[in-house]
């Protein structure tokens, strides 16, 4: 068995940070350091008492220590990490934007009384699993040694597990809805010829560069300041792409001519179920 400390150090930054924050939230609750009502989403408290932190803290609570909590944390450690190391490799800002988009969409849904939930961490985890299932639809998963399941059907299997365990299904359904919306805007809509550009905002790239975590290939902002400012022009490249600067834009390189499928700016994934090696 490998060294747990080394395993932790090797985890990609976004999945590691989110998983640790979720573990700390449940651990602090177990120690009696706070009451869940303090971090729960409540628009009444946000508007009347200016308790803005509730808009963020509710996403870090996956429930008290239990089998359900461990299962959700395992989903982050496995499928969230695989997404960050696979389709989002060297695209830290894009992965952060996926989290931000999911959180903002869930907050908007929570305004509707029927869809309101005080803790939306489970929905965010389900969004990760749904996007993973769309990116790795043919991965075969061994379910407790009983049968194999294709990755595409994993969200629906989990939905059935929560039904059997008696857990609320609304968080799962919200996560599926948000995950599909993200996948539609970043993959399906561009493939259908849509003109709307759903790229990662520049401020997210700057935020990741400021933190100095991860690595963003061909980011609009450099990770480290240089003596001579660079002006990035043209469209960003995705998996395996190359960055085009002002000095090379007029004369495309041979590598750019050999990659005709990388001209969609802001598309999270080029094509369905793309891998780093271009396979489906």
C-alpha atoms as a PDB file:
ATOM      1  CA  UNK A   1       0.000   0.000   0.000  1.00  0.00           C
ATOM      2  CA  UNK A   2       1.342   3.434  -0.915  1.00  0.00           C
ATOM      3  CA  UNK A   3       2.252   6.200   1.474  1.00  0.00           C
ATOM      4  CA  UNK A   4      -0.931   8.122   2.438  1.00  0.00           C
ATOM      5  CA  UNK A   5       1.057  11.317   2.853  1.00  0.00           C
ATOM      6  CA  UNK A   6       2.490  11.035  -0.639  1.00  0.00           C
ATOM      7  CA  UNK A   7      -0.959  10.250  -2.029  1.00  0.00           C
ATOM      8  CA  UNK A   8      -2.312  13.421  -0.426  1.00  0.00           C
ATOM      9  CA  UNK A   9       0.553  15.545  -1.764  1.00  0.00           C
ATOM     10  CA  UNK A  10       0.026  14.184  -5.275  1.00  0.00           C
ATOM     11  CA  UNK A  11      -3.661  15.084  -5.378  1.00  0.00           C
ATOM     12  CA  UNK A  12      -4.545  17.879  -7.841  1.00  0.00           C
ATOM     13  CA  UNK A  13      -5.216  21.212  -6.109  1.00  0.00           C
ATOM     14  CA  UNK A  14      -8.916  21.855  -6.768  1.00  0.00           C
ATOM     15  CA  UNK A  15     -10.244  18.417  -5.812  1.00  0.00           C
ATOM     16  CA  UNK A  16      -7.899  18.303  -2.808  1.00  0.00           C
ATOM     17  CA  UNK A  17      -9.007  21.716  -1.541  1.00  0.00           C
ATOM     18  CA  UNK A  18     -12.708  20.929  -1.892  1.00  0.00           C
ATOM     19  CA  UNK A  19     -12.392  17.494  -0.298  1.00  0.00           C
ATOM     20  CA  UNK A  20     -10.378  18.843   2.647  1.00  0.00           C
ATOM     21  CA  UNK A  21     -12.871  21.668   3.269  1.00  0.00           C
ATOM     22  CA  UNK A  22     -15.752  19.179   3.269  1.00  0.00           C
ATOM     23  CA  UNK A  23     -13.867  16.915   5.675  1.00  0.00           C
ATOM     24  CA  UNK A  24     -13.073  19.847   7.975  1.00  0.00           C
ATOM     25  CA  UNK A  25     -16.714  20.999   8.008  1.00  0.00           C
ATOM     26  CA  UNK A  26     -18.001  17.574   9.063  1.00  0.00           C
ATOM     27  CA  UNK A  27     -15.107  17.063  11.490  1.00  0.00           C
ATOM     28  CA  UNK A  28     -15.783  20.388  13.224  1.00  0.00           C
ATOM     29  CA  UNK A  29     -19.452  19.446  13.512  1.00  0.00           C
ATOM     30  CA  UNK A  30     -18.518  16.092  15.041  1.00  0.00           C
ATOM     31  CA  UNK A  31     -16.411  17.926  17.646  1.00  0.00           C
ATOM     32  CA  UNK A  32     -19.308  20.230  18.465  1.00  0.00           C
ATOM     33  CA  UNK A  33     -17.516  23.389  17.319  1.00  0.00           C
ATOM     34  CA  UNK A  34     -20.539  24.830  15.523  1.00  0.00           C
ATOM     35  CA  UNK A  35     -24.178  24.195  14.712  1.00  0.00           C
ATOM     36  CA  UNK A  36     -25.172  23.416  11.114  1.00  0.00           C
ATOM     37  CA  UNK A  37     -27.639  26.302  11.115  1.00  0.00           C
ATOM     38  CA  UNK A  38     -24.697  28.732  11.130  1.00  0.00           C
ATOM     39  CA  UNK A  39     -23.468  27.643   7.693  1.00  0.00           C
ATOM     40  CA  UNK A  40     -26.797  26.622   6.100  1.00  0.00           C
ATOM     41  CA  UNK A  41     -28.153  28.505   3.110  1.00  0.00           C
ATOM     42  CA  UNK A  42     -30.853  30.943   4.201  1.00  0.00           C
ATOM     43  CA  UNK A  43     -31.692  33.832   1.911  1.00  0.00           C
ATOM     44  CA  UNK A  44     -33.571  35.473   4.765  1.00  0.00           C
ATOM     45  CA  UNK A  45     -30.388  35.649   6.855  1.00  0.00           C
ATOM     46  CA  UNK A  46     -28.319  36.655   3.842  1.00  0.00           C
ATOM     47  CA  UNK A  47     -30.579  39.585   2.963  1.00  0.00           C
ATOM     48  CA  UNK A  48     -31.742  40.748   6.403  1.00  0.00           C
ATOM     49  CA  UNK A  49     -28.624  40.032   8.490  1.00  0.00           C
ATOM     50  CA  UNK A  50     -25.971  40.265   5.747  1.00  0.00           C
ATOM     51  CA  UNK A  51     -24.665  36.775   6.526  1.00  0.00           C
ATOM     52  CA  UNK A  52     -23.029  36.472   3.124  1.00  0.00           C
ATOM     53  CA  UNK A  53     -20.888  33.484   4.111  1.00  0.00           C
ATOM     54  CA  UNK A  54     -23.932  31.229   3.881  1.00  0.00           C
ATOM     55  CA  UNK A  55     -23.787  31.491   0.077  1.00  0.00           C
ATOM     56  CA  UNK A  56     -20.453  29.658   0.186  1.00  0.00           C
ATOM     57  CA  UNK A  57     -20.286  27.558   3.347  1.00  0.00           C
ATOM     58  CA  UNK A  58     -23.367  25.473   2.545  1.00  0.00           C
ATOM     59  CA  UNK A  59     -21.438  23.814  -0.319  1.00  0.00           C
ATOM     60  CA  UNK A  60     -18.804  22.411   2.062  1.00  0.00           C
ATOM     61  CA  UNK A  61     -21.197  20.419   4.235  1.00  0.00           C
ATOM     62  CA  UNK A  62     -21.799  16.867   3.020  1.00  0.00           C
ATOM     63  CA  UNK A  63     -23.543  15.787   6.191  1.00  0.00           C
ATOM     64  CA  UNK A  64     -22.334  14.352   9.523  1.00  0.00           C
ATOM     65  CA  UNK A  65     -19.886  11.466   9.604  1.00  0.00           C
ATOM     66  CA  UNK A  66     -21.752   8.519   8.124  1.00  0.00           C
ATOM     67  CA  UNK A  67     -21.652   6.041   5.264  1.00  0.00           C
ATOM     68  CA  UNK A  68     -23.283   8.626   3.000  1.00  0.00           C
ATOM     69  CA  UNK A  69     -20.636  11.227   3.885  1.00  0.00           C
ATOM     70  CA  UNK A  70     -17.794   8.761   3.240  1.00  0.00           C
ATOM     71  CA  UNK A  71     -19.339   7.759  -0.074  1.00  0.00           C
ATOM     72  CA  UNK A  72     -19.603  11.370  -1.246  1.00  0.00           C
ATOM     73  CA  UNK A  73     -16.047  12.130  -0.160  1.00  0.00           C
ATOM     74  CA  UNK A  74     -14.875   9.071  -2.062  1.00  0.00           C
ATOM     75  CA  UNK A  75     -16.616  10.367  -5.185  1.00  0.00           C
ATOM     76  CA  UNK A  76     -14.589  13.585  -4.951  1.00  0.00           C
ATOM     77  CA  UNK A  77     -11.359  11.663  -4.372  1.00  0.00           C
ATOM     78  CA  UNK A  78     -11.959   9.352  -7.306  1.00  0.00           C
ATOM     79  CA  UNK A  79     -14.085  10.962 -10.000  1.00  0.00           C
ATOM     80  CA  UNK A  80     -13.270  14.575  -9.193  1.00  0.00           C
ATOM     81  CA  UNK A  81      -9.550  13.790  -9.231  1.00  0.00           C
ATOM     82  CA  UNK A  82      -9.874  11.792 -12.466  1.00  0.00           C
ATOM     83  CA  UNK A  83     -11.613  14.728 -14.139  1.00  0.00           C
ATOM     84  CA  UNK A  84      -8.928  17.146 -12.981  1.00  0.00           C
ATOM     85  CA  UNK A  85      -6.132  14.862 -14.138  1.00  0.00           C
ATOM     86  CA  UNK A  86      -7.861  13.943 -17.390  1.00  0.00           C
ATOM     87  CA  UNK A  87     -10.017  16.355 -19.414  1.00  0.00           C
ATOM     88  CA  UNK A  88      -9.034  19.284 -17.169  1.00  0.00           C
ATOM     89  CA  UNK A  89      -5.325  18.497 -17.091  1.00  0.00           C
ATOM     90  CA  UNK A  90      -3.331  21.763 -17.227  1.00  0.00           C
ATOM     91  CA  UNK A  91      -6.647  23.636 -17.158  1.00  0.00           C
ATOM     92  CA  UNK A  92      -6.958  24.482 -13.477  1.00  0.00           C
ATOM     93  CA  UNK A  93      -8.914  27.698 -14.079  1.00  0.00           C
ATOM     94  CA  UNK A  94     -11.445  25.865 -16.268  1.00  0.00           C
ATOM     95  CA  UNK A  95     -11.994  23.301 -13.522  1.00  0.00           C
ATOM     96  CA  UNK A  96     -12.428  26.046 -10.923  1.00  0.00           C
ATOM     97  CA  UNK A  97     -14.950  27.715 -13.239  1.00  0.00           C
ATOM     98  CA  UNK A  98     -16.934  24.469 -13.467  1.00  0.00           C
ATOM     99  CA  UNK A  99     -17.282  24.522  -9.664  1.00  0.00           C
ATOM    100  CA  UNK A 100     -18.209  28.218  -9.633  1.00  0.00           C
ATOM    101  CA  UNK A 101     -20.762  27.794 -12.416  1.00  0.00           C
ATOM    102  CA  UNK A 102     -22.350  24.846 -10.626  1.00  0.00           C
ATOM    103  CA  UNK A 103     -22.516  26.722  -7.318  1.00  0.00           C
ATOM    104  CA  UNK A 104     -24.026  29.861  -8.883  1.00  0.00           C
ATOM    105  CA  UNK A 105     -26.611  27.840 -10.785  1.00  0.00           C
ATOM    106  CA  UNK A 106     -27.591  25.915  -7.659  1.00  0.00           C
ATOM    107  CA  UNK A 107     -27.931  29.178  -5.724  1.00  0.00           C
ATOM    108  CA  UNK A 108     -30.228  30.507  -8.429  1.00  0.00           C
ATOM    109  CA  UNK A 109     -32.327  27.339  -8.286  1.00  0.00           C
ATOM    110  CA  UNK A 110     -32.561  27.604  -4.495  1.00  0.00           C
ATOM    111  CA  UNK A 111     -34.579  30.814  -4.873  1.00  0.00           C
ATOM    112  CA  UNK A 112     -37.474  28.629  -6.010  1.00  0.00           C
ATOM    113  CA  UNK A 113     -39.123  27.328  -2.807  1.00  0.00           C
ATOM    114  CA  UNK A 114     -39.694  23.846  -4.240  1.00  0.00           C
ATOM    115  CA  UNK A 115     -35.993  23.507  -5.078  1.00  0.00           C
ATOM    116  CA  UNK A 116     -34.619  25.137  -1.957  1.00  0.00           C
ATOM    117  CA  UNK A 117     -32.021  23.180  -0.022  1.00  0.00           C
ATOM    118  CA  UNK A 118     -30.102  24.338   3.029  1.00  0.00           C
ATOM    119  CA  UNK A 119     -26.967  22.411   2.060  1.00  0.00           C
ATOM    120  CA  UNK A 120     -25.977  21.957  -1.581  1.00  0.00           C
ATOM    121  CA  UNK A 121     -22.679  20.132  -1.231  1.00  0.00           C
ATOM    122  CA  UNK A 122     -24.299  16.855  -2.277  1.00  0.00           C
ATOM    123  CA  UNK A 123     -25.666  18.485  -5.437  1.00  0.00           C
ATOM    124  CA  UNK A 124     -22.218  19.834  -6.315  1.00  0.00           C
ATOM    125  CA  UNK A 125     -20.697  16.380  -5.883  1.00  0.00           C
ATOM    126  CA  UNK A 126     -23.420  14.898  -8.072  1.00  0.00           C
ATOM    127  CA  UNK A 127     -22.642  17.482 -10.754  1.00  0.00           C
ATOM    128  CA  UNK A 128     -19.009  16.284 -10.722  1.00  0.00           C
ATOM    129  CA  UNK A 129     -20.137  12.687 -11.132  1.00  0.00           C
ATOM    130  CA  UNK A 130     -22.481  13.571 -13.995  1.00  0.00           C
ATOM    131  CA  UNK A 131     -19.767  15.441 -15.917  1.00  0.00           C
ATOM    132  CA  UNK A 132     -17.401  12.531 -15.259  1.00  0.00           C
ATOM    133  CA  UNK A 133     -19.980  10.115 -16.661  1.00  0.00           C
ATOM    134  CA  UNK A 134     -20.278  12.161 -19.845  1.00  0.00           C
ATOM    135  CA  UNK A 135     -16.503  12.423 -20.252  1.00  0.00           C
ATOM    136  CA  UNK A 136     -15.827   8.743 -19.492  1.00  0.00           C
ATOM    137  CA  UNK A 137     -19.024   7.061 -20.743  1.00  0.00           C
ATOM    138  CA  UNK A 138     -17.384   3.750 -21.659  1.00  0.00           C
ATOM    139  CA  UNK A 139     -15.266   3.278 -18.534  1.00  0.00           C
ATOM    140  CA  UNK A 140     -16.334   0.048 -16.897  1.00  0.00           C
ATOM    141  CA  UNK A 141     -16.811   0.186 -13.128  1.00  0.00           C
ATOM    142  CA  UNK A 142     -16.834  -2.885 -10.921  1.00  0.00           C
ATOM    143  CA  UNK A 143     -19.725  -2.452  -8.468  1.00  0.00           C
ATOM    144  CA  UNK A 144     -18.826  -4.303  -5.264  1.00  0.00           C
ATOM    145  CA  UNK A 145     -17.682  -7.296  -7.314  1.00  0.00           C
ATOM    146  CA  UNK A 146     -21.281  -8.032  -8.298  1.00  0.00           C
ATOM    147  CA  UNK A 147     -21.567  -6.504 -11.755  1.00  0.00           C
ATOM    148  CA  UNK A 148     -19.965  -3.999 -14.106  1.00  0.00           C
ATOM    149  CA  UNK A 149     -21.411  -0.630 -14.995  1.00  0.00           C
ATOM    150  CA  UNK A 150     -20.504   1.802 -17.739  1.00  0.00           C
ATOM    151  CA  UNK A 151     -19.471   5.258 -16.580  1.00  0.00           C
ATOM    152  CA  UNK A 152     -22.374   6.891 -18.405  1.00  0.00           C
ATOM    153  CA  UNK A 153     -24.844   5.186 -16.058  1.00  0.00           C
ATOM    154  CA  UNK A 154     -23.008   5.957 -12.808  1.00  0.00           C
ATOM    155  CA  UNK A 155     -25.170   8.996 -11.835  1.00  0.00           C
ATOM    156  CA  UNK A 156     -28.327   6.970 -12.273  1.00  0.00           C
ATOM    157  CA  UNK A 157     -26.913   4.071 -10.260  1.00  0.00           C
ATOM    158  CA  UNK A 158     -26.084   6.497  -7.462  1.00  0.00           C
ATOM    159  CA  UNK A 159     -29.596   7.886  -7.670  1.00  0.00           C
ATOM    160  CA  UNK A 160     -30.913   4.365  -7.104  1.00  0.00           C
ATOM    161  CA  UNK A 161     -28.534   3.844  -4.162  1.00  0.00           C
ATOM    162  CA  UNK A 162     -29.798   7.018  -2.467  1.00  0.00           C
ATOM    163  CA  UNK A 163     -33.355   5.832  -3.059  1.00  0.00           C
ATOM    164  CA  UNK A 164     -32.600   2.516  -1.347  1.00  0.00           C
ATOM    165  CA  UNK A 165     -30.800   4.227   1.553  1.00  0.00           C
ATOM    166  CA  UNK A 166     -33.712   6.612   2.058  1.00  0.00           C
ATOM    167  CA  UNK A 167     -31.684   9.746   1.274  1.00  0.00           C
ATOM    168  CA  UNK A 168     -33.456  12.733  -0.310  1.00  0.00           C
ATOM    169  CA  UNK A 169     -33.379  12.555  -4.094  1.00  0.00           C
ATOM    170  CA  UNK A 170     -33.761  16.279  -4.779  1.00  0.00           C
ATOM    171  CA  UNK A 171     -30.020  17.058  -4.275  1.00  0.00           C
ATOM    172  CA  UNK A 172     -29.132  14.315  -6.754  1.00  0.00           C
ATOM    173  CA  UNK A 173     -31.616  15.550  -9.342  1.00  0.00           C
ATOM    174  CA  UNK A 174     -30.386  19.138  -8.971  1.00  0.00           C
ATOM    175  CA  UNK A 175     -26.808  17.949  -9.473  1.00  0.00           C
ATOM    176  CA  UNK A 176     -27.799  16.077 -12.640  1.00  0.00           C
ATOM    177  CA  UNK A 177     -29.621  19.146 -13.973  1.00  0.00           C
ATOM    178  CA  UNK A 178     -26.696  21.493 -13.312  1.00  0.00           C
ATOM    179  CA  UNK A 179     -24.157  19.004 -14.662  1.00  0.00           C
ATOM    180  CA  UNK A 180     -26.151  18.565 -17.866  1.00  0.00           C
ATOM    181  CA  UNK A 181     -26.527  22.328 -18.266  1.00  0.00           C
ATOM    182  CA  UNK A 182     -22.759  22.765 -17.951  1.00  0.00           C
ATOM    183  CA  UNK A 183     -22.084  19.940 -20.408  1.00  0.00           C
ATOM    184  CA  UNK A 184     -24.649  21.306 -22.843  1.00  0.00           C
ATOM    185  CA  UNK A 185     -23.150  24.800 -22.816  1.00  0.00           C
ATOM    186  CA  UNK A 186     -19.540  23.640 -23.115  1.00  0.00           C
ATOM    187  CA  UNK A 187     -19.843  20.627 -25.428  1.00  0.00           C
ATOM    188  CA  UNK A 188     -23.225  19.914 -27.007  1.00  0.00           C
ATOM    189  CA  UNK A 189     -24.157  23.469 -27.950  1.00  0.00           C
ATOM    190  CA  UNK A 190     -20.792  24.262 -29.613  1.00  0.00           C
ATOM    191  CA  UNK A 191     -20.914  20.928 -31.480  1.00  0.00           C
ATOM    192  CA  UNK A 192     -24.327  21.912 -32.821  1.00  0.00           C
ATOM    193  CA  UNK A 193     -22.813  25.083 -34.281  1.00  0.00           C
ATOM    194  CA  UNK A 194     -23.885  27.460 -31.546  1.00  0.00           C
ATOM    195  CA  UNK A 195     -22.260  30.877 -31.587  1.00  0.00           C
ATOM    196  CA  UNK A 196     -22.473  31.604 -27.875  1.00  0.00           C
ATOM    197  CA  UNK A 197     -19.015  31.488 -26.322  1.00  0.00           C
ATOM    198  CA  UNK A 198     -19.137  29.902 -22.869  1.00  0.00           C
ATOM    199  CA  UNK A 199     -15.517  30.375 -21.914  1.00  0.00           C
ATOM    200  CA  UNK A 200     -13.915  30.650 -18.505  1.00  0.00           C
ATOM    201  CA  UNK A 201     -14.013  34.340 -17.444  1.00  0.00           C
ATOM    202  CA  UNK A 202     -10.733  36.197 -17.353  1.00  0.00           C
ATOM    203  CA  UNK A 203     -11.103  36.943 -13.631  1.00  0.00           C
ATOM    204  CA  UNK A 204     -11.045  33.200 -12.880  1.00  0.00           C
ATOM    205  CA  UNK A 205      -7.775  32.841 -14.770  1.00  0.00           C
ATOM    206  CA  UNK A 206      -6.358  35.792 -12.826  1.00  0.00           C
ATOM    207  CA  UNK A 207      -7.570  34.322  -9.541  1.00  0.00           C
ATOM    208  CA  UNK A 208      -5.855  30.988 -10.224  1.00  0.00           C
ATOM    209  CA  UNK A 209      -2.690  32.807 -11.324  1.00  0.00           C
ATOM    210  CA  UNK A 210      -2.783  34.887  -8.126  1.00  0.00           C
ATOM    211  CA  UNK A 211      -3.097  31.771  -5.975  1.00  0.00           C
ATOM    212  CA  UNK A 212      -0.262  30.161  -7.890  1.00  0.00           C
ATOM    213  CA  UNK A 213      -1.827  26.688  -7.718  1.00  0.00           C
ATOM    214  CA  UNK A 214      -2.146  24.129 -10.470  1.00  0.00           C
ATOM    215  CA  UNK A 215      -1.251  24.981 -14.033  1.00  0.00           C
ATOM    216  CA  UNK A 216      -3.295  26.564 -16.794  1.00  0.00           C
ATOM    217  CA  UNK A 217      -1.986  25.779 -20.249  1.00  0.00           C
ATOM    218  CA  UNK A 218      -2.447  28.692 -22.667  1.00  0.00           C
ATOM    219  CA  UNK A 219      -4.113  30.856 -20.013  1.00  0.00           C
ATOM    220  CA  UNK A 220      -4.995  34.451 -20.946  1.00  0.00           C
ATOM    221  CA  UNK A 221      -2.763  35.572 -18.056  1.00  0.00           C
ATOM    222  CA  UNK A 222       0.734  34.252 -17.287  1.00  0.00           C
ATOM    223  CA  UNK A 223       1.286  32.363 -14.048  1.00  0.00           C
ATOM    224  CA  UNK A 224       4.297  34.518 -13.219  1.00  0.00           C
ATOM    225  CA  UNK A 225       4.964  38.131 -14.079  1.00  0.00           C
ATOM    226  CA  UNK A 226       7.583  38.737 -16.777  1.00  0.00           C
ATOM    227  CA  UNK A 227       9.768  41.749 -17.482  1.00  0.00           C
ATOM    228  CA  UNK A 228       8.115  42.354 -20.847  1.00  0.00           C
ATOM    229  CA  UNK A 229       4.295  42.226 -20.737  1.00  0.00           C
ATOM    230  CA  UNK A 230       2.749  39.691 -23.092  1.00  0.00           C
ATOM    231  CA  UNK A 231      -0.348  40.558 -25.071  1.00  0.00           C
ATOM    232  CA  UNK A 232      -2.355  37.437 -25.822  1.00  0.00           C
ATOM    233  CA  UNK A 233      -4.353  37.578 -28.991  1.00  0.00           C
ATOM    234  CA  UNK A 234      -6.516  35.123 -30.857  1.00  0.00           C
ATOM    235  CA  UNK A 235      -8.421  32.231 -29.409  1.00  0.00           C
ATOM    236  CA  UNK A 236      -7.291  30.080 -26.510  1.00  0.00           C
ATOM    237  CA  UNK A 237      -6.337  26.490 -27.102  1.00  0.00           C
ATOM    238  CA  UNK A 238      -7.542  23.497 -25.144  1.00  0.00           C
ATOM    239  CA  UNK A 239      -6.228  19.965 -24.679  1.00  0.00           C
ATOM    240  CA  UNK A 240      -2.772  19.853 -26.196  1.00  0.00           C
ATOM    241  CA  UNK A 241      -3.189  23.238 -27.891  1.00  0.00           C
ATOM    242  CA  UNK A 242      -0.605  25.972 -28.340  1.00  0.00           C
ATOM    243  CA  UNK A 243      -0.724  29.591 -27.270  1.00  0.00           C
ATOM    244  CA  UNK A 244      -0.607  32.253 -29.957  1.00  0.00           C
ATOM    245  CA  UNK A 245       1.106  35.521 -29.094  1.00  0.00           C
ATOM    246  CA  UNK A 246       1.132  38.827 -30.948  1.00  0.00           C
ATOM    247  CA  UNK A 247       4.477  38.065 -32.529  1.00  0.00           C
ATOM    248  CA  UNK A 248       3.390  34.704 -33.970  1.00  0.00           C
ATOM    249  CA  UNK A 249      -0.236  35.364 -34.853  1.00  0.00           C
ATOM    250  CA  UNK A 250       0.555  36.520 -38.368  1.00  0.00           C
ATOM    251  CA  UNK A 251       2.526  33.339 -39.120  1.00  0.00           C
ATOM    252  CA  UNK A 252       0.778  30.248 -37.684  1.00  0.00           C
ATOM    253  CA  UNK A 253       3.102  27.493 -36.608  1.00  0.00           C
ATOM    254  CA  UNK A 254       2.980  24.030 -38.081  1.00  0.00           C
ATOM    255  CA  UNK A 255       1.567  22.641 -34.832  1.00  0.00           C
ATOM    256  CA  UNK A 256      -1.362  25.047 -35.069  1.00  0.00           C
ATOM    257  CA  UNK A 257      -2.055  24.052 -38.686  1.00  0.00           C
ATOM    258  CA  UNK A 258      -2.111  20.408 -37.637  1.00  0.00           C
ATOM    259  CA  UNK A 259      -4.822  21.011 -35.019  1.00  0.00           C
ATOM    260  CA  UNK A 260      -7.925  22.239 -36.887  1.00  0.00           C
ATOM    261  CA  UNK A 261     -10.323  21.118 -34.161  1.00  0.00           C
ATOM    262  CA  UNK A 262      -9.058  23.509 -31.500  1.00  0.00           C
ATOM    263  CA  UNK A 263     -10.582  26.774 -32.630  1.00  0.00           C
ATOM    264  CA  UNK A 264     -13.582  26.907 -30.351  1.00  0.00           C
ATOM    265  CA  UNK A 265     -12.777  29.478 -27.716  1.00  0.00           C
ATOM    266  CA  UNK A 266     -14.000  28.757 -24.239  1.00  0.00           C
ATOM    267  CA  UNK A 267     -15.231  25.208 -24.911  1.00  0.00           C
ATOM    268  CA  UNK A 268     -14.448  23.072 -21.929  1.00  0.00           C
ATOM    269  CA  UNK A 269     -14.224  19.829 -23.912  1.00  0.00           C
ATOM    270  CA  UNK A 270     -13.761  19.484 -27.663  1.00  0.00           C
ATOM    271  CA  UNK A 271     -16.167  16.804 -28.714  1.00  0.00           C
ATOM    272  CA  UNK A 272     -17.882  14.162 -26.688  1.00  0.00           C
ATOM    273  CA  UNK A 273     -15.914  12.202 -24.134  1.00  0.00           C
ATOM    274  CA  UNK A 274     -12.568  13.574 -25.265  1.00  0.00           C
ATOM    275  CA  UNK A 275      -9.395  12.316 -23.695  1.00  0.00           C
ATOM    276  CA  UNK A 276      -5.933  13.807 -23.615  1.00  0.00           C
ATOM    277  CA  UNK A 277      -4.957  11.331 -26.338  1.00  0.00           C
ATOM    278  CA  UNK A 278      -7.984  12.304 -28.427  1.00  0.00           C
ATOM    279  CA  UNK A 279      -9.836   9.013 -27.837  1.00  0.00           C
ATOM    280  CA  UNK A 280     -13.538   8.693 -27.109  1.00  0.00           C
END
